[in-house]
Amino acid sequence: MPVITIKEKITKTIDIPLDAIYQVIDNLSENERHLLMERLKCKSIKLKKFKNDNIQKIVSDFQVTNCYEDDFLKDLEAGLMKSSVNRKV
């Protein structure tokens, strides 16, 4: 009889009503509430200049996987050539 080894990891998604979250927050101590508010504060995102890569390099990255048909690779290359990122402004 074949033997199957299973590595068990239980993942479950549950919906928590907003009222339940409010109730949890209401039961926090002042210090816990302060820590929660600090964590929720939004920080500005630092934007980096987009690095325009060589189109042939991108296409060859797709090609070496052997997961894409030639028609797709041709369409990808054509799309990259037409893209606003590739156009010189």
PDB file of N, CA and C in Angstrom:
ATOM      1  N   MET A   1       0.838  -1.167   0.000  1.00  0.00           N
ATOM      2  CA  MET A   1       0.000   0.000   0.000  1.00  0.00           C
ATOM      3  C   MET A   1       0.891   1.241   0.000  1.00  0.00           C
ATOM      4  N   PRO A   2       0.597   2.223  -0.869  1.00  0.00           N
ATOM      5  CA  PRO A   2       1.418   3.446  -0.928  1.00  0.00           C
ATOM      6  C   PRO A   2       1.293   4.251   0.360  1.00  0.00           C
ATOM      7  N   VAL A   3       2.368   4.934   0.709  1.00  0.00           N
ATOM      8  CA  VAL A   3       2.392   5.775   1.892  1.00  0.00           C
ATOM      9  C   VAL A   3       2.438   7.233   1.450  1.00  0.00           C
ATOM     10  N   ILE A   4       1.581   8.032   2.021  1.00  0.00           N
ATOM     11  CA  ILE A   4       1.538   9.457   1.710  1.00  0.00           C
ATOM     12  C   ILE A   4       1.859  10.221   2.982  1.00  0.00           C
ATOM     13  N   THR A   5       2.837  11.114   2.902  1.00  0.00           N
ATOM     14  CA  THR A   5       3.186  11.960   4.039  1.00  0.00           C
ATOM     15  C   THR A   5       2.616  13.344   3.780  1.00  0.00           C
ATOM     16  N   ILE A   6       1.850  13.827   4.720  1.00  0.00           N
ATOM     17  CA  ILE A   6       1.215  15.130   4.571  1.00  0.00           C
ATOM     18  C   ILE A   6       1.767  16.068   5.637  1.00  0.00           C
ATOM     19  N   LYS A   7       2.243  17.219   5.185  1.00  0.00           N
ATOM     20  CA  LYS A   7       2.656  18.250   6.122  1.00  0.00           C
ATOM     21  C   LYS A   7       1.427  19.118   6.334  1.00  0.00           C
ATOM     22  N   GLU A   8       0.959  19.151   7.555  1.00  0.00           N
ATOM     23  CA  GLU A   8      -0.296  19.814   7.839  1.00  0.00           C
ATOM     24  C   GLU A   8      -0.092  21.276   8.206  1.00  0.00           C
ATOM     25  N   LYS A   9      -0.863  22.110   7.579  1.00  0.00           N
ATOM     26  CA  LYS A   9      -0.896  23.527   7.911  1.00  0.00           C
ATOM     27  C   LYS A   9      -2.339  23.957   7.712  1.00  0.00           C
ATOM     28  N   ILE A  10      -2.962  24.404   8.757  1.00  0.00           N
ATOM     29  CA  ILE A  10      -4.367  24.781   8.675  1.00  0.00           C
ATOM     30  C   ILE A  10      -4.455  26.294   8.470  1.00  0.00           C
ATOM     31  N   THR A  11      -5.127  26.662   7.405  1.00  0.00           N
ATOM     32  CA  THR A  11      -5.370  28.072   7.120  1.00  0.00           C
ATOM     33  C   THR A  11      -6.866  28.247   6.952  1.00  0.00           C
ATOM     34  N   LYS A  12      -7.405  29.184   7.682  1.00  0.00           N
ATOM     35  CA  LYS A  12      -8.838  29.428   7.597  1.00  0.00           C
ATOM     36  C   LYS A  12      -9.070  30.926   7.535  1.00  0.00           C
ATOM     37  N   THR A  13      -9.910  31.347   6.638  1.00  0.00           N
ATOM     38  CA  THR A  13     -10.267  32.749   6.522  1.00  0.00           C
ATOM     39  C   THR A  13     -11.629  32.952   7.155  1.00  0.00           C
ATOM     40  N   ILE A  14     -11.712  33.928   8.024  1.00  0.00           N
ATOM     41  CA  ILE A  14     -12.996  34.215   8.666  1.00  0.00           C
ATOM     42  C   ILE A  14     -13.328  35.686   8.480  1.00  0.00           C
ATOM     43  N   ASP A  15     -14.600  35.974   8.411  1.00  0.00           N
ATOM     44  CA  ASP A  15     -15.070  37.355   8.338  1.00  0.00           C
ATOM     45  C   ASP A  15     -15.338  37.843   9.754  1.00  0.00           C
ATOM     46  N   ILE A  16     -14.728  38.957  10.106  1.00  0.00           N
ATOM     47  CA  ILE A  16     -14.943  39.540  11.424  1.00  0.00           C
ATOM     48  C   ILE A  16     -15.765  40.813  11.225  1.00  0.00           C
ATOM     49  N   PRO A  17     -16.956  40.862  11.822  1.00  0.00           N
ATOM     50  CA  PRO A  17     -17.780  42.059  11.680  1.00  0.00           C
ATOM     51  C   PRO A  17     -17.068  43.278  12.276  1.00  0.00           C
ATOM     52  N   LEU A  18     -17.274  44.420  11.668  1.00  0.00           N
ATOM     53  CA  LEU A  18     -16.642  45.651  12.123  1.00  0.00           C
ATOM     54  C   LEU A  18     -17.007  45.960  13.568  1.00  0.00           C
ATOM     55  N   ASP A  19     -18.229  45.649  13.965  1.00  0.00           N
ATOM     56  CA  ASP A  19     -18.638  45.884  15.361  1.00  0.00           C
ATOM     57  C   ASP A  19     -17.777  45.085  16.332  1.00  0.00           C
ATOM     58  N   ALA A  20     -17.381  43.863  15.939  1.00  0.00           N
ATOM     59  CA  ALA A  20     -16.529  43.040  16.801  1.00  0.00           C
ATOM     60  C   ALA A  20     -15.142  43.672  16.935  1.00  0.00           C
ATOM     61  N   ILE A  21     -14.656  44.257  15.842  1.00  0.00           N
ATOM     62  CA  ILE A  21     -13.355  44.929  15.888  1.00  0.00           C
ATOM     63  C   ILE A  21     -13.441  46.153  16.796  1.00  0.00           C
ATOM     64  N   TYR A  22     -14.534  46.903  16.689  1.00  0.00           N
ATOM     65  CA  TYR A  22     -14.725  48.066  17.574  1.00  0.00           C
ATOM     66  C   TYR A  22     -14.719  47.632  19.038  1.00  0.00           C
ATOM     67  N   GLN A  23     -15.365  46.526  19.314  1.00  0.00           N
ATOM     68  CA  GLN A  23     -15.446  46.033  20.684  1.00  0.00           C
ATOM     69  C   GLN A  23     -14.056  45.650  21.214  1.00  0.00           C
ATOM     70  N   VAL A  24     -13.256  45.025  20.363  1.00  0.00           N
ATOM     71  CA  VAL A  24     -11.891  44.675  20.758  1.00  0.00           C
ATOM     72  C   VAL A  24     -11.099  45.947  21.051  1.00  0.00           C
ATOM     73  N   ILE A  25     -11.217  46.939  20.166  1.00  0.00           N
ATOM     74  CA  ILE A  25     -10.486  48.202  20.358  1.00  0.00           C
ATOM     75  C   ILE A  25     -10.941  48.898  21.633  1.00  0.00           C
ATOM     76  N   ASP A  26     -12.245  48.876  21.901  1.00  0.00           N
ATOM     77  CA  ASP A  26     -12.771  49.512  23.125  1.00  0.00           C
ATOM     78  C   ASP A  26     -12.211  48.863  24.384  1.00  0.00           C
ATOM     79  N   ASN A  27     -11.851  47.588  24.309  1.00  0.00           N
ATOM     80  CA  ASN A  27     -11.343  46.875  25.476  1.00  0.00           C
ATOM     81  C   ASN A  27      -9.826  46.982  25.631  1.00  0.00           C
ATOM     82  N   LEU A  28      -9.162  47.705  24.728  1.00  0.00           N
ATOM     83  CA  LEU A  28      -7.716  47.883  24.835  1.00  0.00           C
ATOM     84  C   LEU A  28      -7.370  48.901  25.916  1.00  0.00           C
ATOM     85  N   SER A  29      -6.221  48.727  26.507  1.00  0.00           N
ATOM     86  CA  SER A  29      -5.736  49.728  27.466  1.00  0.00           C
ATOM     87  C   SER A  29      -5.276  50.961  26.686  1.00  0.00           C
ATOM     88  N   GLU A  30      -5.037  52.052  27.389  1.00  0.00           N
ATOM     89  CA  GLU A  30      -4.567  53.278  26.728  1.00  0.00           C
ATOM     90  C   GLU A  30      -3.258  53.024  25.992  1.00  0.00           C
ATOM     91  N   ASN A  31      -2.353  52.295  26.630  1.00  0.00           N
ATOM     92  CA  ASN A  31      -1.063  52.013  26.011  1.00  0.00           C
ATOM     93  C   ASN A  31      -1.239  51.157  24.758  1.00  0.00           C
ATOM     94  N   GLU A  32      -2.078  50.127  24.837  1.00  0.00           N
ATOM     95  CA  GLU A  32      -2.330  49.273  23.672  1.00  0.00           C
ATOM     96  C   GLU A  32      -2.984  50.058  22.541  1.00  0.00           C
ATOM     97  N   ARG A  33      -3.895  50.951  22.906  1.00  0.00           N
ATOM     98  CA  ARG A  33      -4.551  51.785  21.896  1.00  0.00           C
ATOM     99  C   ARG A  33      -3.543  52.709  21.214  1.00  0.00           C
ATOM    100  N   HIS A  34      -2.632  53.275  22.025  1.00  0.00           N
ATOM    101  CA  HIS A  34      -1.601  54.152  21.481  1.00  0.00           C
ATOM    102  C   HIS A  34      -0.722  53.372  20.495  1.00  0.00           C
ATOM    103  N   LEU A  35      -0.318  52.150  20.866  1.00  0.00           N
ATOM    104  CA  LEU A  35       0.505  51.316  19.985  1.00  0.00           C
ATOM    105  C   LEU A  35      -0.241  50.976  18.700  1.00  0.00           C
ATOM    106  N   LEU A  36      -1.532  50.699  18.819  1.00  0.00           N
ATOM    107  CA  LEU A  36      -2.344  50.401  17.643  1.00  0.00           C
ATOM    108  C   LEU A  36      -2.408  51.609  16.710  1.00  0.00           C
ATOM    109  N   MET A  37      -2.625  52.788  17.282  1.00  0.00           N
ATOM    110  CA  MET A  37      -2.713  54.006  16.463  1.00  0.00           C
ATOM    111  C   MET A  37      -1.380  54.301  15.772  1.00  0.00           C
ATOM    112  N   GLU A  38      -0.285  54.061  16.457  1.00  0.00           N
ATOM    113  CA  GLU A  38       1.032  54.261  15.843  1.00  0.00           C
ATOM    114  C   GLU A  38       1.216  53.336  14.651  1.00  0.00           C
ATOM    115  N   ARG A  39       0.765  52.123  14.817  1.00  0.00           N
ATOM    116  CA  ARG A  39       0.914  51.137  13.747  1.00  0.00           C
ATOM    117  C   ARG A  39       0.038  51.471  12.540  1.00  0.00           C
ATOM    118  N   LEU A  40      -1.105  52.084  12.801  1.00  0.00           N
ATOM    119  CA  LEU A  40      -2.040  52.407  11.721  1.00  0.00           C
ATOM    120  C   LEU A  40      -1.682  53.680  10.964  1.00  0.00           C
ATOM    121  N   LYS A  41      -0.781  54.474  11.519  1.00  0.00           N
ATOM    122  CA  LYS A  41      -0.408  55.722  10.852  1.00  0.00           C
ATOM    123  C   LYS A  41       0.195  55.420   9.490  1.00  0.00           C
ATOM    124  N   CYS A  42      -0.213  56.205   8.533  1.00  0.00           N
ATOM    125  CA  CYS A  42       0.312  56.026   7.177  1.00  0.00           C
ATOM    126  C   CYS A  42       1.625  56.769   7.037  1.00  0.00           C
ATOM    127  N   LYS A  43       2.557  56.126   6.413  1.00  0.00           N
ATOM    128  CA  LYS A  43       3.832  56.764   6.111  1.00  0.00           C
ATOM    129  C   LYS A  43       3.885  56.976   4.612  1.00  0.00           C
ATOM    130  N   SER A  44       4.497  58.075   4.210  1.00  0.00           N
ATOM    131  CA  SER A  44       4.580  58.344   2.778  1.00  0.00           C
ATOM    132  C   SER A  44       5.488  57.309   2.125  1.00  0.00           C
ATOM    133  N   ILE A  45       5.121  56.975   0.932  1.00  0.00           N
ATOM    134  CA  ILE A  45       5.877  55.983   0.172  1.00  0.00           C
ATOM    135  C   ILE A  45       6.938  56.705  -0.638  1.00  0.00           C
ATOM    136  N   LYS A  46       8.161  56.233  -0.550  1.00  0.00           N
ATOM    137  CA  LYS A  46       9.224  56.824  -1.346  1.00  0.00           C
ATOM    138  C   LYS A  46       9.166  56.208  -2.737  1.00  0.00           C
ATOM    139  N   LEU A  47       8.961  57.050  -3.721  1.00  0.00           N
ATOM    140  CA  LEU A  47       8.899  56.572  -5.104  1.00  0.00           C
ATOM    141  C   LEU A  47      10.300  56.543  -5.698  1.00  0.00           C
ATOM    142  N   LYS A  48      10.566  55.505  -6.436  1.00  0.00           N
ATOM    143  CA  LYS A  48      11.857  55.387  -7.104  1.00  0.00           C
ATOM    144  C   LYS A  48      11.636  55.554  -8.597  1.00  0.00           C
ATOM    145  N   LYS A  49      12.621  56.109  -9.259  1.00  0.00           N
ATOM    146  CA  LYS A  49      12.530  56.265 -10.698  1.00  0.00           C
ATOM    147  C   LYS A  49      12.480  54.875 -11.335  1.00  0.00           C
ATOM    148  N   PHE A  50      11.557  54.708 -12.278  1.00  0.00           N
ATOM    149  CA  PHE A  50      11.395  53.426 -12.961  1.00  0.00           C
ATOM    150  C   PHE A  50      12.627  53.149 -13.812  1.00  0.00           C
ATOM    151  N   LYS A  51      13.150  51.951 -13.674  1.00  0.00           N
ATOM    152  CA  LYS A  51      14.320  51.558 -14.457  1.00  0.00           C
ATOM    153  C   LYS A  51      13.839  50.885 -15.738  1.00  0.00           C
ATOM    154  N   ASN A  52      14.098  51.522 -16.854  1.00  0.00           N
ATOM    155  CA  ASN A  52      13.686  50.989 -18.149  1.00  0.00           C
ATOM    156  C   ASN A  52      14.680  49.915 -18.558  1.00  0.00           C
ATOM    157  N   ASP A  53      14.226  48.680 -18.650  1.00  0.00           N
ATOM    158  CA  ASP A  53      15.094  47.556 -18.981  1.00  0.00           C
ATOM    159  C   ASP A  53      15.084  47.310 -20.489  1.00  0.00           C
ATOM    160  N   ASN A  54      16.084  46.655 -20.973  1.00  0.00           N
ATOM    161  CA  ASN A  54      16.209  46.306 -22.379  1.00  0.00           C
ATOM    162  C   ASN A  54      15.074  45.346 -22.767  1.00  0.00           C
ATOM    163  N   ILE A  55      14.382  45.658 -23.855  1.00  0.00           N
ATOM    164  CA  ILE A  55      13.237  44.853 -24.287  1.00  0.00           C
ATOM    165  C   ILE A  55      13.656  43.419 -24.610  1.00  0.00           C
ATOM    166  N   GLN A  56      14.772  43.244 -25.270  1.00  0.00           N
ATOM    167  CA  GLN A  56      15.235  41.899 -25.613  1.00  0.00           C
ATOM    168  C   GLN A  56      15.518  41.081 -24.351  1.00  0.00           C
ATOM    169  N   LYS A  57      16.026  41.748 -23.318  1.00  0.00           N
ATOM    170  CA  LYS A  57      16.308  41.055 -22.055  1.00  0.00           C
ATOM    171  C   LYS A  57      15.004  40.572 -21.418  1.00  0.00           C
ATOM    172  N   ILE A  58      13.984  41.410 -21.457  1.00  0.00           N
ATOM    173  CA  ILE A  58      12.682  41.039 -20.892  1.00  0.00           C
ATOM    174  C   ILE A  58      12.097  39.852 -21.654  1.00  0.00           C
ATOM    175  N   VAL A  59      12.094  39.946 -22.977  1.00  0.00           N
ATOM    176  CA  VAL A  59      11.540  38.871 -23.813  1.00  0.00           C
ATOM    177  C   VAL A  59      12.327  37.577 -23.596  1.00  0.00           C
ATOM    178  N   SER A  60      13.645  37.673 -23.504  1.00  0.00           N
ATOM    179  CA  SER A  60      14.439  36.451 -23.316  1.00  0.00           C
ATOM    180  C   SER A  60      14.182  35.831 -21.942  1.00  0.00           C
ATOM    181  N   ASP A  61      13.886  36.660 -20.932  1.00  0.00           N
ATOM    182  CA  ASP A  61      13.514  36.131 -19.615  1.00  0.00           C
ATOM    183  C   ASP A  61      12.262  35.269 -19.707  1.00  0.00           C
ATOM    184  N   PHE A  62      11.302  35.709 -20.514  1.00  0.00           N
ATOM    185  CA  PHE A  62      10.088  34.927 -20.722  1.00  0.00           C
ATOM    186  C   PHE A  62      10.395  33.677 -21.550  1.00  0.00           C
ATOM    187  N   GLN A  63      11.229  33.850 -22.565  1.00  0.00           N
ATOM    188  CA  GLN A  63      11.517  32.772 -23.516  1.00  0.00           C
ATOM    189  C   GLN A  63      12.208  31.584 -22.844  1.00  0.00           C
ATOM    190  N   VAL A  64      13.138  31.832 -21.943  1.00  0.00           N
ATOM    191  CA  VAL A  64      13.905  30.742 -21.333  1.00  0.00           C
ATOM    192  C   VAL A  64      13.053  29.844 -20.445  1.00  0.00           C
ATOM    193  N   THR A  65      11.869  30.290 -20.062  1.00  0.00           N
ATOM    194  CA  THR A  65      11.006  29.456 -19.233  1.00  0.00           C
ATOM    195  C   THR A  65      10.327  28.354 -20.034  1.00  0.00           C
ATOM    196  N   ASN A  66      10.284  28.517 -21.341  1.00  0.00           N
ATOM    197  CA  ASN A  66       9.593  27.568 -22.232  1.00  0.00           C
ATOM    198  C   ASN A  66       8.120  27.408 -21.877  1.00  0.00           C
ATOM    199  N   CYS A  67       7.541  28.443 -21.306  1.00  0.00           N
ATOM    200  CA  CYS A  67       6.118  28.409 -20.939  1.00  0.00           C
ATOM    201  C   CYS A  67       5.251  29.219 -21.917  1.00  0.00           C
ATOM    202  N   TYR A  68       5.870  29.932 -22.833  1.00  0.00           N
ATOM    203  CA  TYR A  68       5.131  30.847 -23.691  1.00  0.00           C
ATOM    204  C   TYR A  68       5.348  30.510 -25.157  1.00  0.00           C
ATOM    205  N   GLU A  69       4.280  30.634 -25.924  1.00  0.00           N
ATOM    206  CA  GLU A  69       4.347  30.366 -27.354  1.00  0.00           C
ATOM    207  C   GLU A  69       4.989  31.549 -28.074  1.00  0.00           C
ATOM    208  N   ASP A  70       5.488  31.279 -29.277  1.00  0.00           N
ATOM    209  CA  ASP A  70       6.164  32.325 -30.053  1.00  0.00           C
ATOM    210  C   ASP A  70       5.253  33.518 -30.328  1.00  0.00           C
ATOM    211  N   ASP A  71       3.961  33.252 -30.596  1.00  0.00           N
ATOM    212  CA  ASP A  71       3.030  34.357 -30.858  1.00  0.00           C
ATOM    213  C   ASP A  71       2.922  35.284 -29.646  1.00  0.00           C
ATOM    214  N   PHE A  72       2.887  34.691 -28.460  1.00  0.00           N
ATOM    215  CA  PHE A  72       2.825  35.513 -27.252  1.00  0.00           C
ATOM    216  C   PHE A  72       4.087  36.360 -27.124  1.00  0.00           C
ATOM    217  N   LEU A  73       5.234  35.748 -27.354  1.00  0.00           N
ATOM    218  CA  LEU A  73       6.504  36.473 -27.220  1.00  0.00           C
ATOM    219  C   LEU A  73       6.593  37.624 -28.224  1.00  0.00           C
ATOM    220  N   LYS A  74       6.079  37.402 -29.431  1.00  0.00           N
ATOM    221  CA  LYS A  74       6.065  38.464 -30.439  1.00  0.00           C
ATOM    222  C   LYS A  74       5.136  39.594 -30.004  1.00  0.00           C
ATOM    223  N   ASP A  75       3.950  39.227 -29.472  1.00  0.00           N
ATOM    224  CA  ASP A  75       3.010  40.242 -28.981  1.00  0.00           C
ATOM    225  C   ASP A  75       3.604  41.008 -27.799  1.00  0.00           C
ATOM    226  N   LEU A  76       4.293  40.301 -26.928  1.00  0.00           N
ATOM    227  CA  LEU A  76       4.931  40.940 -25.773  1.00  0.00           C
ATOM    228  C   LEU A  76       5.957  41.962 -26.240  1.00  0.00           C
ATOM    229  N   GLU A  77       6.796  41.567 -27.178  1.00  0.00           N
ATOM    230  CA  GLU A  77       7.830  42.474 -27.682  1.00  0.00           C
ATOM    231  C   GLU A  77       7.204  43.692 -28.357  1.00  0.00           C
ATOM    232  N   ALA A  78       6.164  43.455 -29.173  1.00  0.00           N
ATOM    233  CA  ALA A  78       5.491  44.567 -29.852  1.00  0.00           C
ATOM    234  C   ALA A  78       4.850  45.511 -28.841  1.00  0.00           C
ATOM    235  N   GLY A  79       4.227  44.941 -27.816  1.00  0.00           N
ATOM    236  CA  GLY A  79       3.598  45.770 -26.789  1.00  0.00           C
ATOM    237  C   GLY A  79       4.605  46.590 -26.014  1.00  0.00           C
ATOM    238  N   LEU A  80       5.740  45.983 -25.700  1.00  0.00           N
ATOM    239  CA  LEU A  80       6.788  46.716 -24.988  1.00  0.00           C
ATOM    240  C   LEU A  80       7.358  47.846 -25.842  1.00  0.00           C
ATOM    241  N   MET A  81       7.476  47.596 -27.143  1.00  0.00           N
ATOM    242  CA  MET A  81       7.993  48.631 -28.051  1.00  0.00           C
ATOM    243  C   MET A  81       7.038  49.829 -28.117  1.00  0.00           C
ATOM    244  N   LYS A  82       5.727  49.555 -28.039  1.00  0.00           N
ATOM    245  CA  LYS A  82       4.724  50.625 -28.117  1.00  0.00           C
ATOM    246  C   LYS A  82       4.467  51.300 -26.777  1.00  0.00           C
ATOM    247  N   SER A  83       4.930  50.701 -25.690  1.00  0.00           N
ATOM    248  CA  SER A  83       4.590  51.199 -24.357  1.00  0.00           C
ATOM    249  C   SER A  83       5.148  52.613 -24.132  1.00  0.00           C
ATOM    250  N   SER A  84       4.443  53.356 -23.300  1.00  0.00           N
ATOM    251  CA  SER A  84       4.859  54.730 -22.992  1.00  0.00           C
ATOM    252  C   SER A  84       6.189  54.766 -22.270  1.00  0.00           C
ATOM    253  N   VAL A  85       6.499  53.710 -21.534  1.00  0.00           N
ATOM    254  CA  VAL A  85       7.767  53.652 -20.811  1.00  0.00           C
ATOM    255  C   VAL A  85       8.938  53.569 -21.782  1.00  0.00           C
ATOM    256  N   ASN A  86       8.735  52.873 -22.894  1.00  0.00           N
ATOM    257  CA  ASN A  86       9.815  52.690 -23.869  1.00  0.00           C
ATOM    258  C   ASN A  86       9.990  53.905 -24.783  1.00  0.00           C
ATOM    259  N   ARG A  87       8.920  54.659 -24.982  1.00  0.00           N
ATOM    260  CA  ARG A  87       9.003  55.805 -25.864  1.00  0.00           C
ATOM    261  C   ARG A  87       9.876  56.904 -25.254  1.00  0.00           C
ATOM    262  N   LYS A  88      10.717  57.479 -26.022  1.00  0.00           N
ATOM    263  CA  LYS A  88      11.556  58.592 -25.554  1.00  0.00           C
ATOM    264  C   LYS A  88      10.719  59.860 -25.563  1.00  0.00           C
ATOM    265  N   VAL A  89      10.692  60.561 -24.428  1.00  0.00           N
ATOM    266  CA  VAL A  89       9.873  61.776 -24.319  1.00  0.00           C
ATOM    267  C   VAL A  89      10.730  62.987 -24.579  1.00  0.00           C
TER     268      VAL A  89
END
